[in-house]
N, C-alpha and C. Protein backbone atom coordinates (compact mmCIF):
# COMPACT_ATOMS: atom_id res chain seq x y z
N MET A 1 75.34 74.65 105.20
CA MET A 1 74.10 74.12 105.77
C MET A 1 73.84 74.61 107.28
N VAL A 2 75.27 74.96 107.92
CA VAL A 2 75.09 75.59 109.28
C VAL A 2 74.52 77.02 109.30
N SER A 3 75.01 77.71 108.36
CA SER A 3 74.35 79.23 108.09
C SER A 3 72.84 78.96 107.82
N LEU A 4 72.39 77.99 106.85
CA LEU A 4 70.90 78.24 106.89
C LEU A 4 70.34 77.55 108.13
N GLY A 5 70.89 76.56 108.77
CA GLY A 5 70.23 76.07 109.93
C GLY A 5 70.05 77.11 111.09
N ILE A 6 71.24 77.91 111.35
CA ILE A 6 71.14 79.18 112.10
C ILE A 6 70.02 80.33 111.57
N GLY A 7 70.13 80.55 110.43
CA GLY A 7 69.16 81.43 109.98
C GLY A 7 67.84 80.93 109.90
N GLY A 8 67.20 79.47 109.85
CA GLY A 8 66.02 78.73 110.06
C GLY A 8 65.73 78.96 111.33
N PHE A 9 66.73 78.96 112.43
CA PHE A 9 66.22 78.74 113.89
C PHE A 9 65.66 80.20 114.17
N PHE A 10 66.38 81.34 113.68
CA PHE A 10 66.08 82.61 113.82
C PHE A 10 64.75 83.05 113.12
N TRP A 11 64.58 82.54 111.86
CA TRP A 11 63.52 82.72 111.23
C TRP A 11 62.32 82.16 112.13
N LEU A 12 62.39 81.16 112.78
CA LEU A 12 61.26 80.64 113.40
C LEU A 12 60.86 81.40 114.77
N GLN A 13 62.22 82.20 115.35
CA GLN A 13 61.97 83.01 116.43
C GLN A 13 61.48 84.50 116.18
N GLY A 14 61.27 84.52 114.87
CA GLY A 14 60.66 85.95 114.44
C GLY A 14 61.71 86.84 113.65
N ALA A 15 63.21 86.57 113.76
CA ALA A 15 64.02 87.60 113.11
C ALA A 15 64.22 86.97 111.42
N THR A 16 63.39 87.34 110.86
CA THR A 16 63.40 86.89 109.28
C THR A 16 64.59 87.46 108.46
N LEU A 17 65.07 88.44 108.80
CA LEU A 17 66.26 89.03 108.22
C LEU A 17 67.56 88.22 108.39
N VAL A 18 67.67 87.31 109.50
CA VAL A 18 68.98 86.33 109.54
C VAL A 18 68.93 85.45 108.40
N LEU A 19 67.95 85.10 108.06
CA LEU A 19 67.66 84.00 107.05
C LEU A 19 68.02 84.77 105.58
N VAL A 20 67.56 85.92 105.50
CA VAL A 20 68.06 86.58 104.25
C VAL A 20 69.50 86.90 104.05
N PHE A 21 70.02 87.10 105.21
CA PHE A 21 71.49 87.38 105.12
C PHE A 21 72.33 86.16 105.00
N ALA A 22 71.92 85.16 105.75
CA ALA A 22 72.62 83.79 105.56
C ALA A 22 72.50 83.42 103.77
N GLY A 23 71.23 83.69 103.31
CA GLY A 23 71.39 83.12 101.96
C GLY A 23 72.35 84.01 101.20
N LEU A 24 72.25 85.51 101.20
CA LEU A 24 73.17 86.37 100.96
C LEU A 24 74.70 85.95 100.95
N GLU A 25 75.04 85.65 102.17
CA GLU A 25 76.42 85.03 102.45
C GLU A 25 76.68 83.81 101.73
N LEU A 26 75.90 82.98 101.69
CA LEU A 26 76.18 81.54 100.66
C LEU A 26 76.17 82.02 99.08
N ALA A 27 75.42 82.83 98.60
CA ALA A 27 75.61 83.39 97.36
C ALA A 27 77.14 83.96 97.19
N LEU A 28 77.44 84.85 97.88
CA LEU A 28 78.86 85.37 97.76
C LEU A 28 79.94 84.44 97.95
N VAL A 29 79.85 83.38 98.94
CA VAL A 29 80.56 82.39 98.79
C VAL A 29 80.63 81.07 97.77
N GLY A 30 79.47 81.16 97.23
CA GLY A 30 79.47 80.34 95.90
C GLY A 30 80.06 81.18 94.73
N LEU A 31 79.81 82.72 94.77
CA LEU A 31 80.47 83.29 93.67
C LEU A 31 82.07 83.34 93.67
N ALA A 32 82.43 83.30 95.06
CA ALA A 32 84.01 83.09 95.31
C ALA A 32 84.54 81.96 94.84
N PHE A 33 83.91 80.86 95.09
CA PHE A 33 84.43 79.47 94.65
C PHE A 33 84.38 79.33 93.13
N LEU A 34 83.31 80.11 92.49
CA LEU A 34 83.42 80.10 91.09
C LEU A 34 84.49 80.73 90.62
N ALA A 35 84.85 82.00 91.07
CA ALA A 35 86.18 82.88 90.66
C ALA A 35 87.62 82.20 90.84
N TYR A 36 87.48 81.25 91.94
CA TYR A 36 88.67 80.20 92.44
C TYR A 36 88.83 79.19 91.46
N ALA A 37 87.63 78.53 90.91
CA ALA A 37 87.63 77.45 89.97
C ALA A 37 88.04 77.98 88.71
N ARG A 38 87.66 79.15 88.36
CA ARG A 38 88.14 79.48 86.91
C ARG A 38 89.68 79.69 86.88
N HIS A 39 90.48 80.10 87.64
CA HIS A 39 91.94 80.02 87.77
C HIS A 39 92.78 79.04 88.44
N ALA A 40 91.96 77.86 88.60
CA ALA A 40 92.55 76.53 89.33
C ALA A 40 93.44 75.94 88.27
N THR A 41 93.20 75.92 87.05
CA THR A 41 94.09 75.34 86.23
C THR A 41 94.83 76.28 85.11
N ASP A 42 95.27 77.42 86.02
CA ASP A 42 96.22 78.48 85.46
C ASP A 42 97.54 77.77 85.36
N GLY A 43 98.15 78.27 84.35
CA GLY A 43 99.74 77.75 84.24
C GLY A 43 100.59 78.07 82.99
N GLU A 44 101.69 77.61 83.09
CA GLU A 44 102.49 77.95 81.89
C GLU A 44 103.26 76.82 81.51
N TRP A 45 103.53 76.33 80.17
CA TRP A 45 104.15 75.14 79.88
C TRP A 45 105.19 75.57 78.76
N ILE A 46 106.39 75.16 79.00
CA ILE A 46 107.38 75.73 78.10
C ILE A 46 108.31 74.43 77.80
N SER A 47 108.25 73.92 76.63
CA SER A 47 108.97 72.78 76.20
C SER A 47 109.50 72.98 74.98
N LEU A 48 110.76 72.27 74.68
CA LEU A 48 111.39 72.07 73.52
C LEU A 48 110.94 70.79 72.73
N GLN A 49 110.40 71.07 71.22
CA GLN A 49 110.23 69.94 70.59
C GLN A 49 110.81 69.89 69.18
N GLY A 50 111.94 69.34 69.16
CA GLY A 50 112.78 69.41 67.94
C GLY A 50 113.27 70.60 67.75
N ALA A 51 113.30 71.35 66.80
CA ALA A 51 113.74 72.66 66.45
C ALA A 51 112.96 73.73 67.00
N SER A 52 111.96 73.56 67.60
CA SER A 52 111.06 74.63 68.15
C SER A 52 110.78 74.70 69.72
N LEU A 53 110.57 75.95 70.02
CA LEU A 53 110.31 75.98 71.42
C LEU A 53 108.76 76.36 71.52
N VAL A 54 108.24 75.60 72.35
CA VAL A 54 106.67 75.90 72.42
C VAL A 54 106.46 76.20 73.70
N VAL A 55 105.69 77.49 73.79
CA VAL A 55 105.15 77.97 75.07
C VAL A 55 103.69 78.14 75.14
N GLU A 56 103.04 77.56 76.21
CA GLU A 56 101.59 77.49 76.37
C GLU A 56 101.35 78.27 77.58
N CYS A 57 100.23 79.29 77.62
CA CYS A 57 99.85 79.94 78.91
C CYS A 57 98.41 79.84 78.90
N GLU A 58 97.75 79.30 80.07
CA GLU A 58 96.45 79.49 80.20
C GLU A 58 96.21 80.21 81.48
N SER A 59 95.05 81.23 81.28
CA SER A 59 94.75 82.09 82.44
C SER A 59 93.26 82.29 82.32
N ALA A 60 92.42 81.91 83.32
CA ALA A 60 91.00 81.80 83.24
C ALA A 60 90.34 81.18 82.12
N GLY A 61 91.00 80.17 81.67
CA GLY A 61 90.35 79.22 80.58
C GLY A 61 90.73 79.68 79.38
N ARG A 62 91.52 80.68 79.22
CA ARG A 62 91.95 81.18 77.92
C ARG A 62 93.44 80.84 77.72
N LYS A 63 93.70 79.92 76.54
CA LYS A 63 94.91 79.33 76.32
C LYS A 63 95.54 80.18 75.24
N GLU A 64 96.80 80.41 75.43
CA GLU A 64 97.82 81.18 74.41
C GLU A 64 98.99 80.32 74.07
N ARG A 65 99.13 80.14 72.90
CA ARG A 65 100.20 79.31 72.47
C ARG A 65 101.25 80.07 71.43
N ALA A 66 102.40 79.83 71.78
CA ALA A 66 103.23 80.35 70.83
C ALA A 66 104.69 79.48 70.34
N VAL A 67 104.80 79.24 69.43
CA VAL A 67 105.95 78.41 68.77
C VAL A 67 107.00 79.30 67.96
N PHE A 68 108.03 79.03 68.58
CA PHE A 68 109.29 79.80 68.23
C PHE A 68 110.55 78.82 67.57
N SER A 69 111.11 79.14 66.43
CA SER A 69 112.26 78.61 65.81
C SER A 69 113.30 78.64 67.07
N ARG A 70 113.78 77.70 67.38
CA ARG A 70 114.99 77.56 68.80
C ARG A 70 116.11 78.45 68.44
N GLN A 71 116.83 78.47 67.03
CA GLN A 71 117.68 79.48 66.93
C GLN A 71 117.41 81.02 66.89
N TRP A 72 116.20 81.63 66.88
CA TRP A 72 115.71 82.94 66.60
C TRP A 72 115.15 83.28 68.01
N VAL A 73 114.92 82.51 69.26
CA VAL A 73 114.29 83.09 70.37
C VAL A 73 115.25 83.88 71.02
N SER A 74 114.63 85.04 71.63
CA SER A 74 115.17 85.79 72.63
C SER A 74 114.70 85.79 73.72
N VAL A 75 115.57 85.66 74.88
CA VAL A 75 115.03 85.33 76.17
C VAL A 75 115.63 86.52 77.02
N GLU A 76 114.75 87.47 77.50
CA GLU A 76 115.16 88.75 78.18
C GLU A 76 114.13 89.20 79.29
N PRO A 77 114.40 89.61 80.07
CA PRO A 77 113.66 90.31 81.35
C PRO A 77 112.71 91.56 80.56
N LYS A 78 111.46 91.44 80.82
CA LYS A 78 110.61 92.71 80.23
C LYS A 78 111.07 94.04 80.85
N SER A 79 111.42 94.12 81.88
CA SER A 79 111.86 95.45 82.33
C SER A 79 113.14 95.39 83.22
N GLY A 80 112.89 94.58 84.20
CA GLY A 80 114.02 94.54 85.13
C GLY A 80 114.36 93.30 85.86
N ASP A 81 115.24 92.88 86.60
CA ASP A 81 115.72 91.73 86.95
C ASP A 81 114.48 90.86 87.55
N HIS A 82 113.80 91.33 88.03
CA HIS A 82 112.77 90.65 88.85
C HIS A 82 111.33 90.48 88.19
N SER A 83 111.25 91.06 86.80
CA SER A 83 110.24 91.32 86.25
C SER A 83 109.77 89.92 85.31
N LEU A 84 108.70 89.94 84.73
CA LEU A 84 108.23 88.66 83.77
C LEU A 84 109.36 88.71 82.71
N ILE A 85 109.56 87.15 82.21
CA ILE A 85 110.50 86.84 81.15
C ILE A 85 109.78 87.17 79.64
N GLU A 86 110.46 87.73 78.91
CA GLU A 86 109.81 87.95 77.61
C GLU A 86 110.52 87.06 76.53
N LEU A 87 109.76 86.19 75.88
CA LEU A 87 110.34 85.23 75.11
C LEU A 87 109.84 85.91 73.57
N SER A 88 110.78 86.04 72.90
CA SER A 88 110.35 86.88 71.51
C SER A 88 111.28 86.20 70.08
N GLY A 89 110.49 86.51 68.97
CA GLY A 89 111.21 85.94 68.18
C GLY A 89 110.31 85.74 66.79
N GLN A 90 110.81 86.00 65.54
CA GLN A 90 109.72 86.03 64.50
C GLN A 90 108.41 86.85 64.51
N GLY A 91 108.80 87.93 64.99
CA GLY A 91 107.53 88.91 65.06
C GLY A 91 106.46 88.61 66.22
N ARG A 92 106.86 87.52 67.19
CA ARG A 92 105.98 87.27 68.15
C ARG A 92 106.50 87.34 69.39
N SER A 93 105.77 87.61 70.76
CA SER A 93 106.34 87.54 71.81
C SER A 93 105.41 87.09 72.87
N ILE A 94 105.94 86.51 73.83
CA ILE A 94 105.17 85.94 75.09
C ILE A 94 105.80 86.28 76.35
N GLU A 95 105.00 86.46 77.23
CA GLU A 95 105.77 86.60 78.71
C GLU A 95 105.53 85.68 79.62
N VAL A 96 106.23 84.99 80.03
CA VAL A 96 106.35 83.75 81.11
C VAL A 96 106.86 84.10 82.51
N GLY A 97 106.73 83.39 83.33
CA GLY A 97 107.20 83.42 84.86
C GLY A 97 106.33 83.89 85.92
N ARG A 98 104.98 83.99 85.62
CA ARG A 98 103.95 84.42 86.37
C ARG A 98 103.85 83.58 87.86
N PHE A 99 104.17 82.40 87.48
CA PHE A 99 104.14 81.35 88.57
C PHE A 99 105.31 81.16 89.39
N VAL A 100 106.38 81.98 88.83
CA VAL A 100 107.75 81.63 89.58
C VAL A 100 107.76 82.96 90.61
N ARG A 101 108.45 82.74 91.73
CA ARG A 101 108.99 83.84 92.84
C ARG A 101 109.60 84.75 92.00
N PRO A 102 109.51 86.33 91.97
CA PRO A 102 110.25 87.26 91.40
C PRO A 102 111.95 86.92 91.46
N GLU A 103 112.22 86.53 92.55
CA GLU A 103 113.75 86.43 92.76
C GLU A 103 114.06 85.24 91.93
N LEU A 104 113.29 84.24 91.40
CA LEU A 104 113.98 83.01 90.77
C LEU A 104 113.60 83.19 89.35
N ARG A 105 112.95 84.51 88.67
CA ARG A 105 112.91 84.43 87.45
C ARG A 105 114.11 84.43 86.59
N GLN A 106 115.21 85.28 87.29
CA GLN A 106 116.36 85.26 86.52
C GLN A 106 117.20 83.78 86.41
N VAL A 107 116.62 83.06 87.15
CA VAL A 107 117.25 81.61 87.20
C VAL A 107 116.35 80.78 86.12
N LEU A 108 115.13 80.90 85.86
CA LEU A 108 114.39 80.48 84.76
C LEU A 108 114.87 80.78 83.54
N ALA A 109 115.22 82.18 83.52
CA ALA A 109 115.48 82.64 82.02
C ALA A 109 116.80 81.86 81.87
N GLN A 110 117.96 81.81 82.66
CA GLN A 110 119.11 81.18 82.43
C GLN A 110 118.82 79.54 82.06
N GLU A 111 117.92 78.93 82.62
CA GLU A 111 117.76 77.72 82.44
C GLU A 111 117.03 77.63 80.91
N ILE A 112 116.28 78.58 80.55
CA ILE A 112 115.57 78.45 79.28
C ILE A 112 116.95 78.69 78.22
N ARG A 113 117.72 79.77 78.56
CA ARG A 113 118.92 79.97 77.52
C ARG A 113 119.55 78.67 77.45
N LYS A 114 119.83 78.31 78.50
CA LYS A 114 120.82 76.86 78.54
C LYS A 114 120.33 75.92 77.78
N ALA A 115 118.89 75.64 77.86
CA ALA A 115 118.04 74.51 77.14
C ALA A 115 118.21 74.80 75.73
N LEU A 116 118.03 75.94 75.28
CA LEU A 116 117.85 76.41 73.90
C LEU A 116 119.56 76.19 73.27
N ARG A 117 120.51 76.26 73.95
CA ARG A 117 121.77 76.01 73.50
C ARG A 117 122.11 74.74 73.42
N THR A 118 121.75 73.99 74.44
CA THR A 118 122.20 72.48 74.38
C THR A 118 121.51 71.62 73.71
N ALA A 119 120.12 71.81 73.46
CA ALA A 119 119.23 70.89 72.69
C ALA A 119 119.45 70.80 71.50
């Protein structure tokens, strides 16, 4: 509203392009909000349900779900100590750890391994 008010003031003073640029600015801010809203619900959920490890990943409204048999799951870093964690088994794989700081991904992998052993 402030941008439109300033643009309107300058429109009345004869500087018509100020209102055009204010409108363009508001359109770009609106697009930025849409891009942000699209990723606002991104996340990863890992749970043990009986004898299965269930992993759900959501990114930009697209959900990916993988179910693994607990005794056949492999938990390994994808390429190095600070890379994403790859959960694989039975011909499927999924990467997790996007929302964990790189230095804590190894801790997450250890927690997943421990939960798989003790559950």
